[in-house]
Amino acid sequence: MQIDKEIDTRGLNCPLPILKAKKALTELQSGQLLRVVSTDGGSVRDFQAFAKQTGNELVEQQTVGDEYIHVLRRR
């Protein structure tokens, strides 16, 4: 998977990971991928809701240890 941009939101709690992802997505072209790394357990649910509300595609979610990785495709 070709990731076009990655942001690190470790240590930040809701709503900051979503806000940072929203800003990062504006810097991408349609179809490009954004990876967000978070330590907020609530981010799994938050990114699912964010994708539905914005029309961006949630391509993948993974839990690796105490980190949550979200991959979004810009609409």
PDB file of N, CA and C in Angstrom:
ATOM      1  N   MET A   1       0.849  -1.182   0.000  1.00  0.00           N
ATOM      2  CA  MET A   1       0.000   0.000   0.000  1.00  0.00           C
ATOM      3  C   MET A   1       0.894   1.244   0.000  1.00  0.00           C
ATOM      4  N   GLN A   2       0.630   2.132  -0.932  1.00  0.00           N
ATOM      5  CA  GLN A   2       1.423   3.360  -1.069  1.00  0.00           C
ATOM      6  C   GLN A   2       0.816   4.459  -0.205  1.00  0.00           C
ATOM      7  N   ILE A   3       1.467   4.768   0.923  1.00  0.00           N
ATOM      8  CA  ILE A   3       0.992   5.828   1.818  1.00  0.00           C
ATOM      9  C   ILE A   3       1.580   7.152   1.340  1.00  0.00           C
ATOM     10  N   ASP A   4       0.723   8.143   1.145  1.00  0.00           N
ATOM     11  CA  ASP A   4       1.176   9.433   0.636  1.00  0.00           C
ATOM     12  C   ASP A   4       1.563  10.396   1.749  1.00  0.00           C
ATOM     13  N   LYS A   5       0.963  10.237   2.922  1.00  0.00           N
ATOM     14  CA  LYS A   5       1.272  11.107   4.064  1.00  0.00           C
ATOM     15  C   LYS A   5       0.987  10.331   5.335  1.00  0.00           C
ATOM     16  N   GLU A   6       1.804  10.562   6.359  1.00  0.00           N
ATOM     17  CA  GLU A   6       1.580   9.924   7.649  1.00  0.00           C
ATOM     18  C   GLU A   6       1.638  10.989   8.733  1.00  0.00           C
ATOM     19  N   ILE A   7       0.704  10.903   9.677  1.00  0.00           N
ATOM     20  CA  ILE A   7       0.761  11.814  10.824  1.00  0.00           C
ATOM     21  C   ILE A   7       0.788  10.998  12.109  1.00  0.00           C
ATOM     22  N   ASP A   8       1.498  11.523  13.087  1.00  0.00           N
ATOM     23  CA  ASP A   8       1.680  10.882  14.383  1.00  0.00           C
ATOM     24  C   ASP A   8       0.848  11.641  15.404  1.00  0.00           C
ATOM     25  N   THR A   9      -0.202  10.999  15.918  1.00  0.00           N
ATOM     26  CA  THR A   9      -1.039  11.646  16.927  1.00  0.00           C
ATOM     27  C   THR A   9      -0.922  10.905  18.264  1.00  0.00           C
ATOM     28  N   ARG A  10       0.188  10.189  18.469  1.00  0.00           N
ATOM     29  CA  ARG A  10       0.403   9.476  19.732  1.00  0.00           C
ATOM     30  C   ARG A  10       0.348  10.468  20.887  1.00  0.00           C
ATOM     31  N   GLY A  11      -0.339  10.068  21.955  1.00  0.00           N
ATOM     32  CA  GLY A  11      -0.426  10.910  23.141  1.00  0.00           C
ATOM     33  C   GLY A  11      -1.551  11.933  23.087  1.00  0.00           C
ATOM     34  N   LEU A  12      -2.212  12.066  21.941  1.00  0.00           N
ATOM     35  CA  LEU A  12      -3.310  13.025  21.817  1.00  0.00           C
ATOM     36  C   LEU A  12      -4.638  12.291  21.964  1.00  0.00           C
ATOM     37  N   ASN A  13      -5.574  12.932  22.634  1.00  0.00           N
ATOM     38  CA  ASN A  13      -6.895  12.339  22.823  1.00  0.00           C
ATOM     39  C   ASN A  13      -7.919  13.068  21.974  1.00  0.00           C
ATOM     40  N   CYS A  14      -9.066  12.416  21.799  1.00  0.00           N
ATOM     41  CA  CYS A  14     -10.183  12.940  21.032  1.00  0.00           C
ATOM     42  C   CYS A  14     -10.474  14.375  21.471  1.00  0.00           C
ATOM     43  N   PRO A  15     -10.694  15.288  20.583  1.00  0.00           N
ATOM     44  CA  PRO A  15     -10.851  15.128  19.132  1.00  0.00           C
ATOM     45  C   PRO A  15      -9.584  15.432  18.327  1.00  0.00           C
ATOM     46  N   LEU A  16      -8.441  15.581  18.987  1.00  0.00           N
ATOM     47  CA  LEU A  16      -7.242  16.028  18.270  1.00  0.00           C
ATOM     48  C   LEU A  16      -6.794  15.112  17.125  1.00  0.00           C
ATOM     49  N   PRO A  17      -6.799  13.771  17.281  1.00  0.00           N
ATOM     50  CA  PRO A  17      -6.403  12.947  16.124  1.00  0.00           C
ATOM     51  C   PRO A  17      -7.281  13.190  14.891  1.00  0.00           C
ATOM     52  N   ILE A  18      -8.579  13.356  15.110  1.00  0.00           N
ATOM     53  CA  ILE A  18      -9.510  13.615  14.001  1.00  0.00           C
ATOM     54  C   ILE A  18      -9.229  14.983  13.379  1.00  0.00           C
ATOM     55  N   LEU A  19      -9.019  15.980  14.210  1.00  0.00           N
ATOM     56  CA  LEU A  19      -8.767  17.330  13.694  1.00  0.00           C
ATOM     57  C   LEU A  19      -7.476  17.376  12.881  1.00  0.00           C
ATOM     58  N   LYS A  20      -6.448  16.705  13.369  1.00  0.00           N
ATOM     59  CA  LYS A  20      -5.178  16.671  12.631  1.00  0.00           C
ATOM     60  C   LYS A  20      -5.327  15.895  11.322  1.00  0.00           C
ATOM     61  N   ALA A  21      -6.105  14.816  11.345  1.00  0.00           N
ATOM     62  CA  ALA A  21      -6.346  14.039  10.122  1.00  0.00           C
ATOM     63  C   ALA A  21      -7.124  14.871   9.111  1.00  0.00           C
ATOM     64  N   LYS A  22      -8.112  15.602   9.584  1.00  0.00           N
ATOM     65  CA  LYS A  22      -8.918  16.439   8.693  1.00  0.00           C
ATOM     66  C   LYS A  22      -8.037  17.469   7.990  1.00  0.00           C
ATOM     67  N   LYS A  23      -7.136  18.102   8.748  1.00  0.00           N
ATOM     68  CA  LYS A  23      -6.220  19.086   8.167  1.00  0.00           C
ATOM     69  C   LYS A  23      -5.276  18.414   7.160  1.00  0.00           C
ATOM     70  N   ALA A  24      -4.736  17.249   7.514  1.00  0.00           N
ATOM     71  CA  ALA A  24      -3.801  16.551   6.630  1.00  0.00           C
ATOM     72  C   ALA A  24      -4.484  16.125   5.330  1.00  0.00           C
ATOM     73  N   LEU A  25      -5.746  15.715   5.410  1.00  0.00           N
ATOM     74  CA  LEU A  25      -6.471  15.296   4.211  1.00  0.00           C
ATOM     75  C   LEU A  25      -6.641  16.445   3.218  1.00  0.00           C
ATOM     76  N   THR A  26      -6.750  17.670   3.719  1.00  0.00           N
ATOM     77  CA  THR A  26      -6.903  18.816   2.815  1.00  0.00           C
ATOM     78  C   THR A  26      -5.645  19.036   1.984  1.00  0.00           C
ATOM     79  N   GLU A  27      -4.502  18.509   2.452  1.00  0.00           N
ATOM     80  CA  GLU A  27      -3.234  18.671   1.743  1.00  0.00           C
ATOM     81  C   GLU A  27      -3.012  17.571   0.695  1.00  0.00           C
ATOM     82  N   LEU A  28      -3.911  16.581   0.653  1.00  0.00           N
ATOM     83  CA  LEU A  28      -3.771  15.466  -0.280  1.00  0.00           C
ATOM     84  C   LEU A  28      -4.693  15.642  -1.483  1.00  0.00           C
ATOM     85  N   GLN A  29      -4.330  14.968  -2.572  1.00  0.00           N
ATOM     86  CA  GLN A  29      -5.176  14.927  -3.760  1.00  0.00           C
ATOM     87  C   GLN A  29      -6.192  13.803  -3.591  1.00  0.00           C
ATOM     88  N   SER A  30      -7.261  13.853  -4.353  1.00  0.00           N
ATOM     89  CA  SER A  30      -8.271  12.800  -4.326  1.00  0.00           C
ATOM     90  C   SER A  30      -7.627  11.454  -4.635  1.00  0.00           C
ATOM     91  N   GLY A  31      -7.938  10.440  -3.817  1.00  0.00           N
ATOM     92  CA  GLY A  31      -7.410   9.102  -4.023  1.00  0.00           C
ATOM     93  C   GLY A  31      -6.130   8.804  -3.258  1.00  0.00           C
ATOM     94  N   GLN A  32      -5.472   9.832  -2.725  1.00  0.00           N
ATOM     95  CA  GLN A  32      -4.240   9.601  -1.975  1.00  0.00           C
ATOM     96  C   GLN A  32      -4.548   9.068  -0.576  1.00  0.00           C
ATOM     97  N   LEU A  33      -3.555   8.397   0.021  1.00  0.00           N
ATOM     98  CA  LEU A  33      -3.746   7.732   1.306  1.00  0.00           C
ATOM     99  C   LEU A  33      -3.043   8.458   2.445  1.00  0.00           C
ATOM    100  N   LEU A  34      -3.738   8.540   3.567  1.00  0.00           N
ATOM    101  CA  LEU A  34      -3.220   9.126   4.808  1.00  0.00           C
ATOM    102  C   LEU A  34      -3.199   8.051   5.874  1.00  0.00           C
ATOM    103  N   ARG A  35      -2.054   7.880   6.542  1.00  0.00           N
ATOM    104  CA  ARG A  35      -1.959   6.965   7.683  1.00  0.00           C
ATOM    105  C   ARG A  35      -1.877   7.809   8.948  1.00  0.00           C
ATOM    106  N   VAL A  36      -2.720   7.455   9.922  1.00  0.00           N
ATOM    107  CA  VAL A  36      -2.733   8.141  11.210  1.00  0.00           C
ATOM    108  C   VAL A  36      -2.370   7.121  12.278  1.00  0.00           C
ATOM    109  N   VAL A  37      -1.363   7.432  13.090  1.00  0.00           N
ATOM    110  CA  VAL A  37      -0.960   6.567  14.198  1.00  0.00           C
ATOM    111  C   VAL A  37      -1.408   7.247  15.484  1.00  0.00           C
ATOM    112  N   SER A  38      -2.170   6.517  16.301  1.00  0.00           N
ATOM    113  CA  SER A  38      -2.771   7.085  17.511  1.00  0.00           C
ATOM    114  C   SER A  38      -2.618   6.122  18.681  1.00  0.00           C
ATOM    115  N   THR A  39      -2.667   6.680  19.895  1.00  0.00           N
ATOM    116  CA  THR A  39      -2.685   5.842  21.095  1.00  0.00           C
ATOM    117  C   THR A  39      -4.027   5.965  21.818  1.00  0.00           C
ATOM    118  N   ASP A  40      -4.962   6.684  21.233  1.00  0.00           N
ATOM    119  CA  ASP A  40      -6.291   6.881  21.817  1.00  0.00           C
ATOM    120  C   ASP A  40      -7.203   5.719  21.406  1.00  0.00           C
ATOM    121  N   GLY A  41      -7.598   4.895  22.388  1.00  0.00           N
ATOM    122  CA  GLY A  41      -8.456   3.745  22.102  1.00  0.00           C
ATOM    123  C   GLY A  41      -9.771   4.127  21.452  1.00  0.00           C
ATOM    124  N   GLY A  42     -10.272   5.302  21.754  1.00  0.00           N
ATOM    125  CA  GLY A  42     -11.524   5.769  21.165  1.00  0.00           C
ATOM    126  C   GLY A  42     -11.391   6.150  19.700  1.00  0.00           C
ATOM    127  N   SER A  43     -10.153   6.233  19.220  1.00  0.00           N
ATOM    128  CA  SER A  43      -9.943   6.669  17.838  1.00  0.00           C
ATOM    129  C   SER A  43     -10.483   5.661  16.824  1.00  0.00           C
ATOM    130  N   VAL A  44     -10.567   4.389  17.206  1.00  0.00           N
ATOM    131  CA  VAL A  44     -11.103   3.375  16.276  1.00  0.00           C
ATOM    132  C   VAL A  44     -12.534   3.750  15.897  1.00  0.00           C
ATOM    133  N   ARG A  45     -13.341   3.973  16.884  1.00  0.00           N
ATOM    134  CA  ARG A  45     -14.739   4.362  16.668  1.00  0.00           C
ATOM    135  C   ARG A  45     -14.827   5.750  16.022  1.00  0.00           C
ATOM    136  N   ASP A  46     -13.972   6.669  16.477  1.00  0.00           N
ATOM    137  CA  ASP A  46     -13.996   8.037  15.955  1.00  0.00           C
ATOM    138  C   ASP A  46     -13.701   8.093  14.463  1.00  0.00           C
ATOM    139  N   PHE A  47     -12.693   7.315  14.014  1.00  0.00           N
ATOM    140  CA  PHE A  47     -12.345   7.351  12.598  1.00  0.00           C
ATOM    141  C   PHE A  47     -13.404   6.680  11.737  1.00  0.00           C
ATOM    142  N   GLN A  48     -14.102   5.686  12.277  1.00  0.00           N
ATOM    143  CA  GLN A  48     -15.208   5.071  11.532  1.00  0.00           C
ATOM    144  C   GLN A  48     -16.304   6.100  11.299  1.00  0.00           C
ATOM    145  N   ALA A  49     -16.640   6.847  12.340  1.00  0.00           N
ATOM    146  CA  ALA A  49     -17.678   7.877  12.220  1.00  0.00           C
ATOM    147  C   ALA A  49     -17.217   9.013  11.306  1.00  0.00           C
ATOM    148  N   PHE A  50     -15.957   9.407  11.438  1.00  0.00           N
ATOM    149  CA  PHE A  50     -15.398  10.483  10.614  1.00  0.00           C
ATOM    150  C   PHE A  50     -15.479  10.131   9.133  1.00  0.00           C
ATOM    151  N   ALA A  51     -15.122   8.896   8.793  1.00  0.00           N
ATOM    152  CA  ALA A  51     -15.153   8.466   7.392  1.00  0.00           C
ATOM    153  C   ALA A  51     -16.577   8.519   6.844  1.00  0.00           C
ATOM    154  N   LYS A  52     -17.539   8.047   7.633  1.00  0.00           N
ATOM    155  CA  LYS A  52     -18.940   8.079   7.181  1.00  0.00           C
ATOM    156  C   LYS A  52     -19.418   9.506   6.969  1.00  0.00           C
ATOM    157  N   GLN A  53     -19.062  10.393   7.886  1.00  0.00           N
ATOM    158  CA  GLN A  53     -19.547  11.774   7.824  1.00  0.00           C
ATOM    159  C   GLN A  53     -18.917  12.562   6.686  1.00  0.00           C
ATOM    160  N   THR A  54     -17.650  12.274   6.357  1.00  0.00           N
ATOM    161  CA  THR A  54     -16.934  13.094   5.382  1.00  0.00           C
ATOM    162  C   THR A  54     -16.900  12.489   3.986  1.00  0.00           C
ATOM    163  N   GLY A  55     -17.208  11.191   3.869  1.00  0.00           N
ATOM    164  CA  GLY A  55     -17.149  10.548   2.565  1.00  0.00           C
ATOM    165  C   GLY A  55     -15.759  10.054   2.194  1.00  0.00           C
ATOM    166  N   ASN A  56     -14.780  10.240   3.082  1.00  0.00           N
ATOM    167  CA  ASN A  56     -13.452   9.666   2.865  1.00  0.00           C
ATOM    168  C   ASN A  56     -13.532   8.186   3.198  1.00  0.00           C
ATOM    169  N   GLU A  57     -12.756   7.361   2.488  1.00  0.00           N
ATOM    170  CA  GLU A  57     -12.816   5.917   2.689  1.00  0.00           C
ATOM    171  C   GLU A  57     -11.844   5.490   3.778  1.00  0.00           C
ATOM    172  N   LEU A  58     -12.345   4.734   4.752  1.00  0.00           N
ATOM    173  CA  LEU A  58     -11.494   4.139   5.776  1.00  0.00           C
ATOM    174  C   LEU A  58     -11.007   2.815   5.206  1.00  0.00           C
ATOM    175  N   VAL A  59      -9.775   2.806   4.713  1.00  0.00           N
ATOM    176  CA  VAL A  59      -9.232   1.656   3.990  1.00  0.00           C
ATOM    177  C   VAL A  59      -8.846   0.543   4.954  1.00  0.00           C
ATOM    178  N   GLU A  60      -8.284   0.911   6.104  1.00  0.00           N
ATOM    179  CA  GLU A  60      -7.752  -0.097   7.018  1.00  0.00           C
ATOM    180  C   GLU A  60      -7.655   0.464   8.422  1.00  0.00           C
ATOM    181  N   GLN A  61      -7.886  -0.410   9.408  1.00  0.00           N
ATOM    182  CA  GLN A  61      -7.624  -0.090  10.813  1.00  0.00           C
ATOM    183  C   GLN A  61      -6.897  -1.275  11.420  1.00  0.00           C
ATOM    184  N   GLN A  62      -5.843  -0.988  12.167  1.00  0.00           N
ATOM    185  CA  GLN A  62      -5.066  -2.041  12.827  1.00  0.00           C
ATOM    186  C   GLN A  62      -4.767  -1.618  14.247  1.00  0.00           C
ATOM    187  N   THR A  63      -4.663  -2.601  15.123  1.00  0.00           N
ATOM    188  CA  THR A  63      -4.166  -2.360  16.467  1.00  0.00           C
ATOM    189  C   THR A  63      -2.842  -3.087  16.577  1.00  0.00           C
ATOM    190  N   VAL A  64      -1.794  -2.344  16.892  1.00  0.00           N
ATOM    191  CA  VAL A  64      -0.457  -2.913  17.042  1.00  0.00           C
ATOM    192  C   VAL A  64       0.042  -2.518  18.425  1.00  0.00           C
ATOM    193  N   GLY A  65       0.010  -3.482  19.348  1.00  0.00           N
ATOM    194  CA  GLY A  65       0.375  -3.159  20.727  1.00  0.00           C
ATOM    195  C   GLY A  65      -0.622  -2.166  21.288  1.00  0.00           C
ATOM    196  N   ASP A  66      -0.115  -1.025  21.739  1.00  0.00           N
ATOM    197  CA  ASP A  66      -1.009   0.011  22.282  1.00  0.00           C
ATOM    198  C   ASP A  66      -1.225   1.145  21.287  1.00  0.00           C
ATOM    199  N   GLU A  67      -0.970   0.865  20.006  1.00  0.00           N
ATOM    200  CA  GLU A  67      -1.166   1.872  18.971  1.00  0.00           C
ATOM    201  C   GLU A  67      -2.271   1.455  18.009  1.00  0.00           C
ATOM    202  N   TYR A  68      -2.966   2.451  17.516  1.00  0.00           N
ATOM    203  CA  TYR A  68      -4.072   2.253  16.575  1.00  0.00           C
ATOM    204  C   TYR A  68      -3.681   2.949  15.268  1.00  0.00           C
ATOM    205  N   ILE A  69      -3.722   2.187  14.179  1.00  0.00           N
ATOM    206  CA  ILE A  69      -3.318   2.709  12.891  1.00  0.00           C
ATOM    207  C   ILE A  69      -4.535   2.768  11.975  1.00  0.00           C
ATOM    208  N   HIS A  70      -4.755   3.937  11.419  1.00  0.00           N
ATOM    209  CA  HIS A  70      -5.919   4.180  10.550  1.00  0.00           C
ATOM    210  C   HIS A  70      -5.384   4.636   9.198  1.00  0.00           C
ATOM    211  N   VAL A  71      -5.927   4.074   8.128  1.00  0.00           N
ATOM    212  CA  VAL A  71      -5.553   4.508   6.772  1.00  0.00           C
ATOM    213  C   VAL A  71      -6.819   5.009   6.074  1.00  0.00           C
ATOM    214  N   LEU A  72      -6.765   6.248   5.653  1.00  0.00           N
ATOM    215  CA  LEU A  72      -7.894   6.898   4.982  1.00  0.00           C
ATOM    216  C   LEU A  72      -7.518   7.253   3.556  1.00  0.00           C
ATOM    217  N   ARG A  73      -8.482   7.079   2.644  1.00  0.00           N
ATOM    218  CA  ARG A  73      -8.292   7.507   1.252  1.00  0.00           C
ATOM    219  C   ARG A  73      -9.117   8.779   1.046  1.00  0.00           C
ATOM    220  N   ARG A  74      -8.439   9.823   0.578  1.00  0.00           N
ATOM    221  CA  ARG A  74      -9.135  11.089   0.346  1.00  0.00           C
ATOM    222  C   ARG A  74     -10.170  10.928  -0.763  1.00  0.00           C
ATOM    223  N   ARG A  75     -11.357  11.441  -0.529  1.00  0.00           N
ATOM    224  CA  ARG A  75     -12.427  11.366  -1.528  1.00  0.00           C
ATOM    225  C   ARG A  75     -12.166  12.279  -2.688  1.00  0.00           C
TER     226      ARG A  75
END
